[in-house]
N, C-alpha and C. Protein backbone atom coordinates (compact mmCIF):
# COMPACT_ATOMS: atom_id res chain seq x y z
N UNK A 1 1.27 -0.77 -0.17
CA UNK A 1 0.03 -0.26 -0.54
C UNK A 1 0.66 1.40 -0.11
N UNK A 2 1.71 1.27 1.28
CA UNK A 2 2.35 2.28 0.60
C UNK A 2 3.85 2.67 -0.41
N UNK A 3 3.60 1.67 -1.08
CA UNK A 3 4.73 2.24 -2.49
C UNK A 3 3.50 2.26 -4.01
N UNK A 4 2.19 2.08 -3.73
CA UNK A 4 1.15 2.75 -4.74
C UNK A 4 1.40 3.96 -3.91
N UNK A 5 1.20 4.64 -2.50
CA UNK A 5 0.80 5.81 -2.32
C UNK A 5 2.05 6.77 -2.84
N UNK A 6 3.58 5.85 -3.09
CA UNK A 6 5.02 6.79 -3.10
C UNK A 6 4.54 6.90 -4.99
N UNK A 7 3.60 5.85 -5.62
CA UNK A 7 4.06 6.32 -7.30
C UNK A 7 3.58 7.72 -7.51
N UNK A 8 4.92 8.00 -8.54
CA UNK A 8 4.25 9.19 -8.68
C UNK A 8 3.68 8.98 -10.03
N UNK A 9 2.93 8.11 -10.44
CA UNK A 9 1.90 8.27 -11.50
C UNK A 9 0.40 8.60 -10.75
N UNK A 10 0.38 8.14 -10.22
CA UNK A 10 -0.78 7.80 -9.50
C UNK A 10 -1.03 8.40 -8.21
N UNK A 11 -0.53 9.06 -7.85
CA UNK A 11 -0.34 10.46 -7.31
C UNK A 11 -0.28 11.37 -8.23
N UNK A 12 0.32 11.67 -9.37
CA UNK A 12 0.05 13.21 -9.75
C UNK A 12 -1.30 12.95 -10.81
N UNK A 13 -0.69 11.88 -11.52
CA UNK A 13 -0.87 11.70 -13.43
C UNK A 13 -1.85 11.73 -13.00
N UNK A 14 -2.73 10.55 -12.18
CA UNK A 14 -4.29 10.40 -12.51
C UNK A 14 -4.74 11.31 -12.00
N UNK A 15 -5.29 11.77 -11.35
CA UNK A 15 -5.35 13.17 -11.10
C UNK A 15 -5.87 14.54 -11.94
N UNK A 16 -4.23 14.32 -12.12
CA UNK A 16 -3.77 15.04 -13.79
C UNK A 16 -4.86 15.10 -14.88
N UNK A 17 -5.22 13.54 -15.70
CA UNK A 17 -5.88 12.98 -16.46
C UNK A 17 -6.75 13.52 -16.28
N UNK A 18 -7.95 13.22 -14.61
CA UNK A 18 -8.70 13.04 -14.49
C UNK A 18 -9.52 14.52 -14.70
N UNK A 19 -8.87 15.70 -14.23
CA UNK A 19 -9.38 17.04 -14.59
C UNK A 19 -9.11 17.52 -15.85
N UNK A 20 -8.19 16.72 -17.12
CA UNK A 20 -8.30 17.63 -18.04
C UNK A 20 -9.28 16.51 -18.77
N UNK A 21 -10.11 15.27 -18.87
CA UNK A 21 -10.87 14.25 -19.02
C UNK A 21 -11.91 15.33 -18.55
N UNK A 22 -12.27 15.72 -17.74
CA UNK A 22 -13.59 15.78 -16.41
C UNK A 22 -13.73 16.64 -16.65
N UNK A 23 -12.91 18.18 -17.09
CA UNK A 23 -12.67 19.57 -17.61
C UNK A 23 -13.48 19.71 -18.92
N UNK A 24 -13.16 19.04 -19.63
CA UNK A 24 -13.69 19.35 -21.41
C UNK A 24 -15.50 18.79 -20.73
N UNK A 25 -15.46 17.72 -20.87
CA UNK A 25 -17.10 17.54 -20.33
C UNK A 25 -17.85 18.78 -19.77
N UNK A 26 -16.78 19.16 -18.64
CA UNK A 26 -17.93 19.77 -17.59
C UNK A 26 -18.02 21.73 -17.92
N UNK A 27 -17.33 21.59 -19.38
CA UNK A 27 -17.55 22.40 -19.85
C UNK A 27 -17.50 22.85 -21.06
N UNK A 28 -18.15 21.67 -21.17
CA UNK A 28 -19.78 20.89 -22.99
C UNK A 28 -20.14 21.19 -22.60
N UNK A 29 -20.74 21.14 -20.94
CA UNK A 29 -22.39 21.60 -20.57
C UNK A 29 -22.77 23.01 -19.97
N UNK A 30 -21.13 23.33 -19.47
CA UNK A 30 -21.87 24.79 -19.32
C UNK A 30 -21.71 25.88 -20.50
N UNK A 31 -20.88 25.85 -21.98
CA UNK A 31 -21.49 25.93 -23.17
C UNK A 31 -22.61 25.98 -23.35
N UNK A 32 -23.02 24.64 -23.21
CA UNK A 32 -24.64 24.18 -24.31
C UNK A 32 -25.21 25.32 -23.63
N UNK A 33 -25.05 25.82 -22.12
CA UNK A 33 -26.69 26.03 -21.77
C UNK A 33 -26.23 27.35 -23.06
N UNK A 34 -25.50 28.22 -23.13
CA UNK A 34 -25.65 29.90 -23.85
C UNK A 34 -26.55 29.02 -25.13
N UNK A 35 -26.32 28.15 -25.92
CA UNK A 35 -27.29 27.99 -26.73
C UNK A 35 -28.62 27.39 -26.79
N UNK A 36 -28.94 26.63 -25.88
CA UNK A 36 -29.88 26.48 -25.00
C UNK A 36 -31.04 26.92 -24.81
N UNK A 37 -30.18 28.50 -23.75
CA UNK A 37 -31.41 29.19 -23.31
C UNK A 37 -30.98 30.80 -24.26
N UNK A 38 -31.05 30.94 -25.23
CA UNK A 38 -31.46 32.41 -26.23
C UNK A 38 -32.05 32.75 -26.57
N UNK A 39 -32.48 34.10 -26.13
CA UNK A 39 -33.15 34.23 -26.55
C UNK A 39 -33.84 34.89 -28.08
N UNK A 40 -34.18 34.16 -29.38
CA UNK A 40 -34.75 34.46 -30.33
C UNK A 40 -35.71 34.18 -30.58
N UNK A 41 -36.56 34.72 -31.34
CA UNK A 41 -37.68 34.20 -31.68
C UNK A 41 -37.86 34.85 -33.12
N UNK A 42 -38.03 33.89 -34.00
CA UNK A 42 -39.08 34.13 -35.02
C UNK A 42 -40.02 34.21 -35.43
N UNK A 43 -39.93 35.48 -36.04
CA UNK A 43 -41.76 36.00 -36.86
C UNK A 43 -42.20 35.55 -37.63
N UNK A 44 -43.36 34.86 -37.81
CA UNK A 44 -43.64 34.12 -39.17
C UNK A 44 -44.68 35.63 -40.31
N UNK A 45 -44.74 34.79 -42.12
CA UNK A 45 -44.82 36.29 -41.64
C UNK A 45 -46.35 36.21 -42.20
N UNK A 46 -46.84 35.28 -42.04
CA UNK A 46 -48.39 35.82 -40.81
C UNK A 46 -48.11 36.84 -40.33
N UNK A 47 -47.98 36.68 -39.36
CA UNK A 47 -47.61 37.31 -37.98
C UNK A 47 -46.84 39.37 -38.69
N UNK A 48 -46.66 39.18 -39.10
CA UNK A 48 -45.60 40.58 -39.86
C UNK A 48 -46.76 41.17 -40.79
N UNK A 49 -47.86 40.77 -41.53
CA UNK A 49 -48.49 41.37 -42.56
C UNK A 49 -49.46 41.37 -41.43
N UNK A 50 -49.73 40.70 -39.69
CA UNK A 50 -50.74 41.43 -39.24
C UNK A 50 -50.11 42.46 -38.68
N UNK A 51 -49.30 42.60 -38.22
CA UNK A 51 -48.56 44.17 -37.33
C UNK A 51 -48.52 45.25 -39.37
N UNK A 52 -48.79 44.75 -40.05
CA UNK A 52 -48.58 46.21 -40.88
C UNK A 52 -47.12 46.22 -41.58
N UNK A 53 -46.44 44.80 -41.53
CA UNK A 53 -45.67 45.20 -42.22
C UNK A 53 -45.09 44.18 -43.40
N UNK A 54 -45.26 44.56 -44.73
CA UNK A 54 -44.52 43.47 -46.27
C UNK A 54 -43.46 43.23 -46.04
N UNK A 55 -43.02 41.89 -46.74
CA UNK A 55 -41.77 40.84 -46.24
C UNK A 55 -41.58 41.32 -48.50
N UNK A 56 -40.13 41.57 -49.17
CA UNK A 56 -40.18 41.58 -50.38
C UNK A 56 -39.55 40.18 -50.35
N UNK A 57 -40.02 39.66 -51.69
CA UNK A 57 -39.28 38.15 -52.12
C UNK A 57 -37.81 38.49 -51.93
N UNK A 58 -37.31 37.78 -51.16
CA UNK A 58 -35.41 37.77 -51.39
C UNK A 58 -34.69 38.36 -52.58
N UNK A 59 -35.44 37.67 -53.76
CA UNK A 59 -34.70 37.99 -54.97
C UNK A 59 -34.39 39.11 -55.54
N UNK A 60 -35.70 39.90 -55.16
CA UNK A 60 -36.01 41.16 -56.04
C UNK A 60 -35.15 42.53 -55.59
N UNK A 61 -34.67 42.28 -54.66
CA UNK A 61 -33.50 43.59 -54.61
C UNK A 61 -31.97 43.26 -54.64
N UNK A 62 -31.51 43.62 -55.59
CA UNK A 62 -30.29 43.44 -55.78
C UNK A 62 -29.48 45.09 -55.95
N UNK A 63 -28.20 44.63 -56.06
CA UNK A 63 -27.42 46.20 -56.24
C UNK A 63 -27.65 46.58 -57.42
N UNK A 64 -27.49 46.32 -58.75
CA UNK A 64 -27.59 47.01 -59.56
C UNK A 64 -29.22 47.52 -59.23
N UNK A 65 -30.26 47.06 -59.11
CA UNK A 65 -31.38 48.21 -58.88
C UNK A 65 -31.41 48.82 -57.74
N UNK A 66 -30.86 48.85 -56.75
CA UNK A 66 -30.25 49.84 -56.23
C UNK A 66 -29.25 50.93 -56.65
N UNK A 67 -28.65 50.53 -56.91
CA UNK A 67 -27.47 51.76 -57.92
C UNK A 67 -29.26 52.59 -58.97
N UNK A 68 -29.35 51.93 -59.77
CA UNK A 68 -30.12 52.63 -60.89
C UNK A 68 -31.09 53.39 -60.06
N UNK A 69 -31.64 53.39 -58.88
CA UNK A 69 -32.77 53.99 -57.98
C UNK A 69 -31.79 55.33 -57.43
N UNK A 70 -30.98 54.37 -57.21
CA UNK A 70 -29.92 56.61 -56.46
C UNK A 70 -29.42 57.35 -57.66
N UNK A 71 -29.13 56.70 -58.66
CA UNK A 71 -28.80 57.58 -60.21
C UNK A 71 -29.56 58.32 -60.61
N UNK A 72 -31.05 57.77 -60.43
CA UNK A 72 -32.37 58.71 -60.73
C UNK A 72 -32.23 59.91 -59.46
N UNK A 73 -32.37 59.81 -58.70
CA UNK A 73 -32.72 60.73 -57.69
C UNK A 73 -31.38 61.72 -57.84
N UNK A 74 -30.04 61.42 -58.52
CA UNK A 74 -29.01 62.49 -57.81
C UNK A 74 -28.91 63.06 -59.73
N UNK A 75 -28.28 64.09 -59.50
CA UNK A 75 -27.72 64.41 -60.76
C UNK A 75 -26.23 65.01 -60.66
N UNK A 76 -25.26 63.85 -61.16
CA UNK A 76 -24.14 64.17 -61.20
C UNK A 76 -23.38 64.97 -62.18
N UNK A 77 -24.33 65.37 -63.47
CA UNK A 77 -24.05 66.30 -64.82
C UNK A 77 -23.65 67.40 -64.22
N UNK A 78 -24.37 67.94 -63.01
CA UNK A 78 -24.85 69.88 -62.32
C UNK A 78 -23.80 69.50 -61.31
N UNK A 79 -22.84 67.96 -61.34
CA UNK A 79 -22.35 68.27 -59.78
C UNK A 79 -21.09 69.34 -59.19
N UNK A 80 -20.89 70.18 -58.67
CA UNK A 80 -19.63 71.25 -58.00
C UNK A 80 -18.92 71.10 -56.95
N UNK A 81 -17.48 70.95 -56.87
CA UNK A 81 -17.24 71.26 -55.64
C UNK A 81 -17.20 72.28 -54.63
N UNK A 82 -17.62 72.39 -53.44
CA UNK A 82 -17.74 73.18 -53.04
C UNK A 82 -17.18 73.42 -51.67
N UNK A 83 -15.74 74.12 -51.94
CA UNK A 83 -15.03 74.00 -49.71
C UNK A 83 -16.08 74.70 -49.78
N UNK A 84 -15.02 75.13 -48.44
CA UNK A 84 -16.51 74.38 -46.40
C UNK A 84 -14.51 76.05 -46.05
N UNK A 85 -14.55 76.66 -45.23
CA UNK A 85 -13.40 77.19 -44.38
C UNK A 85 -13.01 76.89 -43.69
N UNK A 86 -11.75 76.27 -43.81
CA UNK A 86 -10.96 75.46 -42.86
C UNK A 86 -11.06 76.13 -41.50
N UNK A 87 -11.01 75.49 -39.61
CA UNK A 87 -10.72 75.56 -38.89
C UNK A 87 -9.39 76.61 -38.87
N UNK A 88 -9.70 77.45 -38.01
CA UNK A 88 -8.30 78.06 -37.61
C UNK A 88 -6.68 77.07 -37.25
N UNK A 89 -5.68 77.60 -37.63
CA UNK A 89 -5.02 77.04 -37.51
C UNK A 89 -4.92 75.73 -38.66
N UNK A 90 -5.19 75.98 -39.41
CA UNK A 90 -4.90 74.84 -40.86
C UNK A 90 -4.64 76.06 -41.70
N UNK A 91 -3.51 75.71 -42.72
CA UNK A 91 -3.48 76.56 -43.73
C UNK A 91 -2.73 75.70 -44.93
N UNK A 92 -3.82 76.25 -46.32
CA UNK A 92 -3.35 76.17 -46.94
C UNK A 92 -1.70 74.89 -47.85
């Protein structure tokens, strides 16, 4: 019995291995709590319609269509660069 208590592997190695292996299982359970109790609710399209919000189909809005809308609103032919007065202490 005295030889077993003096064995370095049984005295230091086994508790360390148990700590590493057991710790991974404990951390897994604690990190899983975060995903189990997340407060996200998905609203169905029917509930959105009841509240007066209309959803557009996913493919209807593209970068090109938004760019064309922007170009129609802004006249780039009559653009003028306007300088503002510089703050005191800044020279040209």
